[in-house]
Amino acid sequence: MGKERIKYIAALLLSLTVWYQCCTTLFSHTHTIGRYRITHSHPYTGTSDNPCHSHTAAQFLTIALLSAFTALAAMLAGAAAAAPETGRLLRHLLPCGTTAPHTRAVSLRGPPVSA
């Protein structure tokens, strides 16, 4: 992959991140459905007192899944930033080429009978 392409992808990802942060910060509003209140943010026309749009159940589910995904990504990024040596520590604990530590097999067989 060329350096120009990497710079282009980096600029695209940075602009998407800035756009997402602006949307979540600037366009927050609340929907009241029955006894539940759902607060989320996205660009729309209208005021926060009288939003002139609504969402379907599938759209609310998508909003919830995206919120959970971004919260998980933020938590993992924070954990990685707080303890960067964790990955190095795990690599030393696991044998090369394995994905999980070895455990001993539990055998219920008795010892061999001598003749």
C-alpha atoms as a PDB file:
ATOM      1  CA  MET A   1       0.000   0.000   0.000  1.00  0.00           C
ATOM      2  CA  GLY A   2       1.441   3.357  -0.998  1.00  0.00           C
ATOM      3  CA  LYS A   3       2.119   6.171   1.436  1.00  0.00           C
ATOM      4  CA  GLU A   4      -0.347   8.448  -0.354  1.00  0.00           C
ATOM      5  CA  ARG A   5      -3.119   5.890   0.040  1.00  0.00           C
ATOM      6  CA  ILE A   6      -2.360   5.483   3.743  1.00  0.00           C
ATOM      7  CA  LYS A   7      -2.476   9.264   4.205  1.00  0.00           C
ATOM      8  CA  TYR A   8      -5.796   9.394   2.341  1.00  0.00           C
ATOM      9  CA  ILE A   9      -7.304   6.651   4.517  1.00  0.00           C
ATOM     10  CA  ALA A  10      -5.989   8.325   7.689  1.00  0.00           C
ATOM     11  CA  ALA A  11      -7.517  11.668   6.664  1.00  0.00           C
ATOM     12  CA  LEU A  12     -10.817   9.954   5.853  1.00  0.00           C
ATOM     13  CA  LEU A  13     -10.929   8.173   9.219  1.00  0.00           C
ATOM     14  CA  LEU A  14     -10.025  11.368  11.059  1.00  0.00           C
ATOM     15  CA  SER A  15     -12.760  13.332   9.292  1.00  0.00           C
ATOM     16  CA  LEU A  16     -15.320  10.590  10.032  1.00  0.00           C
ATOM     17  CA  THR A  17     -14.339  10.625  13.701  1.00  0.00           C
ATOM     18  CA  VAL A  18     -14.634  14.420  13.918  1.00  0.00           C
ATOM     19  CA  TRP A  19     -18.003  14.318  12.114  1.00  0.00           C
ATOM     20  CA  TYR A  20     -19.302  11.633  14.495  1.00  0.00           C
ATOM     21  CA  GLN A  21     -18.160  13.556  17.576  1.00  0.00           C
ATOM     22  CA  CYS A  22     -19.798  16.754  16.297  1.00  0.00           C
ATOM     23  CA  CYS A  23     -23.067  14.938  15.583  1.00  0.00           C
ATOM     24  CA  THR A  24     -23.192  13.299  19.008  1.00  0.00           C
ATOM     25  CA  THR A  25     -22.362  16.564  20.769  1.00  0.00           C
ATOM     26  CA  LEU A  26     -24.383  19.142  18.855  1.00  0.00           C
ATOM     27  CA  PHE A  27     -27.635  17.377  17.895  1.00  0.00           C
ATOM     28  CA  SER A  28     -28.751  15.653  21.093  1.00  0.00           C
ATOM     29  CA  HIS A  29     -32.524  15.248  21.591  1.00  0.00           C
ATOM     30  CA  THR A  30     -34.999  13.046  23.468  1.00  0.00           C
ATOM     31  CA  HIS A  31     -37.978  10.994  22.300  1.00  0.00           C
ATOM     32  CA  THR A  32     -40.699   9.996  24.781  1.00  0.00           C
ATOM     33  CA  ILE A  33     -42.406   6.737  23.905  1.00  0.00           C
ATOM     34  CA  GLY A  34     -44.929   5.615  26.489  1.00  0.00           C
ATOM     35  CA  ARG A  35     -43.095   5.754  29.787  1.00  0.00           C
ATOM     36  CA  TYR A  36     -39.640   5.460  28.239  1.00  0.00           C
ATOM     37  CA  ARG A  37     -37.324   8.263  27.201  1.00  0.00           C
ATOM     38  CA  ILE A  38     -34.714   7.656  24.547  1.00  0.00           C
ATOM     39  CA  THR A  39     -31.977  10.242  24.196  1.00  0.00           C
ATOM     40  CA  HIS A  40     -29.725  10.163  21.171  1.00  0.00           C
ATOM     41  CA  SER A  41     -28.235  12.545  18.669  1.00  0.00           C
ATOM     42  CA  HIS A  42     -28.120  13.003  14.930  1.00  0.00           C
ATOM     43  CA  PRO A  43     -28.621  15.948  12.579  1.00  0.00           C
ATOM     44  CA  TYR A  44     -32.277  16.818  12.011  1.00  0.00           C
ATOM     45  CA  THR A  45     -34.440  19.872  11.410  1.00  0.00           C
ATOM     46  CA  GLY A  46     -36.461  21.077  14.371  1.00  0.00           C
ATOM     47  CA  THR A  47     -35.948  22.112  17.959  1.00  0.00           C
ATOM     48  CA  SER A  48     -35.197  19.903  20.936  1.00  0.00           C
ATOM     49  CA  ASP A  49     -38.601  20.815  22.445  1.00  0.00           C
ATOM     50  CA  ASN A  50     -40.498  19.762  19.335  1.00  0.00           C
ATOM     51  CA  PRO A  51     -38.620  17.265  17.188  1.00  0.00           C
ATOM     52  CA  CYS A  52     -40.406  16.924  13.891  1.00  0.00           C
ATOM     53  CA  HIS A  53     -39.339  13.367  13.244  1.00  0.00           C
ATOM     54  CA  SER A  54     -39.818   9.921  14.702  1.00  0.00           C
ATOM     55  CA  HIS A  55     -38.089   6.568  14.538  1.00  0.00           C
ATOM     56  CA  THR A  56     -39.222   3.006  13.977  1.00  0.00           C
ATOM     57  CA  ALA A  57     -38.446   0.203  16.418  1.00  0.00           C
ATOM     58  CA  ALA A  58     -35.690  -1.036  14.093  1.00  0.00           C
ATOM     59  CA  GLN A  59     -34.106   2.420  14.046  1.00  0.00           C
ATOM     60  CA  PHE A  60     -34.150   2.599  17.858  1.00  0.00           C
ATOM     61  CA  LEU A  61     -32.526  -0.850  17.983  1.00  0.00           C
ATOM     62  CA  THR A  62     -29.840   0.312  15.541  1.00  0.00           C
ATOM     63  CA  ILE A  63     -29.214   3.416  17.677  1.00  0.00           C
ATOM     64  CA  ALA A  64     -28.860   1.230  20.789  1.00  0.00           C
ATOM     65  CA  LEU A  65     -26.456  -1.175  19.053  1.00  0.00           C
ATOM     66  CA  LEU A  66     -24.297   1.664  17.717  1.00  0.00           C
ATOM     67  CA  SER A  67     -24.186   3.258  21.167  1.00  0.00           C
ATOM     68  CA  ALA A  68     -23.127  -0.038  22.743  1.00  0.00           C
ATOM     69  CA  PHE A  69     -20.499  -0.575  20.046  1.00  0.00           C
ATOM     70  CA  THR A  70     -18.977   2.891  20.495  1.00  0.00           C
ATOM     71  CA  ALA A  71     -19.014   2.492  24.278  1.00  0.00           C
ATOM     72  CA  LEU A  72     -17.194  -0.847  23.974  1.00  0.00           C
ATOM     73  CA  ALA A  73     -14.660   0.606  21.536  1.00  0.00           C
ATOM     74  CA  ALA A  74     -14.022   3.551  23.864  1.00  0.00           C
ATOM     75  CA  MET A  75     -13.596   1.232  26.836  1.00  0.00           C
ATOM     76  CA  LEU A  76     -11.129  -1.001  24.992  1.00  0.00           C
ATOM     77  CA  ALA A  77      -9.171   1.999  23.715  1.00  0.00           C
ATOM     78  CA  GLY A  78      -9.015   3.413  27.231  1.00  0.00           C
ATOM     79  CA  ALA A  79      -7.856   0.099  28.653  1.00  0.00           C
ATOM     80  CA  ALA A  80      -5.181  -0.204  25.971  1.00  0.00           C
ATOM     81  CA  ALA A  81      -3.984   3.338  26.657  1.00  0.00           C
ATOM     82  CA  ALA A  82      -3.983   2.817  30.426  1.00  0.00           C
ATOM     83  CA  ALA A  83      -1.995  -0.417  30.327  1.00  0.00           C
ATOM     84  CA  PRO A  84       0.001  -0.735  27.099  1.00  0.00           C
ATOM     85  CA  GLU A  85       2.188  -3.454  28.592  1.00  0.00           C
ATOM     86  CA  THR A  86      -0.785  -5.825  28.944  1.00  0.00           C
ATOM     87  CA  GLY A  87      -0.343  -7.200  25.427  1.00  0.00           C
ATOM     88  CA  ARG A  88       3.356  -7.800  26.020  1.00  0.00           C
ATOM     89  CA  LEU A  89       2.580  -9.584  29.293  1.00  0.00           C
ATOM     90  CA  LEU A  90       0.001 -11.842  27.656  1.00  0.00           C
ATOM     91  CA  ARG A  91       2.409 -12.753  24.856  1.00  0.00           C
ATOM     92  CA  HIS A  92       4.930 -13.993  27.438  1.00  0.00           C
ATOM     93  CA  LEU A  93       2.334 -16.026  29.317  1.00  0.00           C
ATOM     94  CA  LEU A  94       1.031 -17.878  26.254  1.00  0.00           C
ATOM     95  CA  PRO A  95       3.274 -20.347  24.422  1.00  0.00           C
ATOM     96  CA  CYS A  96       4.136 -19.380  20.862  1.00  0.00           C
ATOM     97  CA  GLY A  97       1.491 -20.386  18.328  1.00  0.00           C
ATOM     98  CA  THR A  98      -1.318 -21.005  20.827  1.00  0.00           C
ATOM     99  CA  THR A  99      -4.373 -18.982  21.618  1.00  0.00           C
ATOM    100  CA  ALA A 100      -5.050 -20.307  25.121  1.00  0.00           C
ATOM    101  CA  PRO A 101      -2.846 -21.517  27.955  1.00  0.00           C
ATOM    102  CA  HIS A 102      -2.313 -25.266  28.223  1.00  0.00           C
ATOM    103  CA  THR A 103      -4.185 -27.143  30.923  1.00  0.00           C
ATOM    104  CA  ARG A 104      -3.535 -30.614  32.240  1.00  0.00           C
ATOM    105  CA  ALA A 105      -5.958 -33.323  31.248  1.00  0.00           C
ATOM    106  CA  VAL A 106      -7.989 -34.803  34.056  1.00  0.00           C
ATOM    107  CA  SER A 107      -7.797 -38.587  33.804  1.00  0.00           C
ATOM    108  CA  LEU A 108      -9.941 -40.930  35.874  1.00  0.00           C
ATOM    109  CA  ARG A 109      -8.062 -44.052  34.782  1.00  0.00           C
ATOM    110  CA  GLY A 110      -6.231 -45.968  37.453  1.00  0.00           C
ATOM    111  CA  PRO A 111      -2.563 -46.987  37.282  1.00  0.00           C
ATOM    112  CA  PRO A 112      -1.633 -50.046  35.186  1.00  0.00           C
ATOM    113  CA  VAL A 113      -1.738 -53.428  36.902  1.00  0.00           C
ATOM    114  CA  SER A 114       1.668 -55.083  37.193  1.00  0.00           C
ATOM    115  CA  ALA A 115       1.875 -58.764  36.304  1.00  0.00           C
END
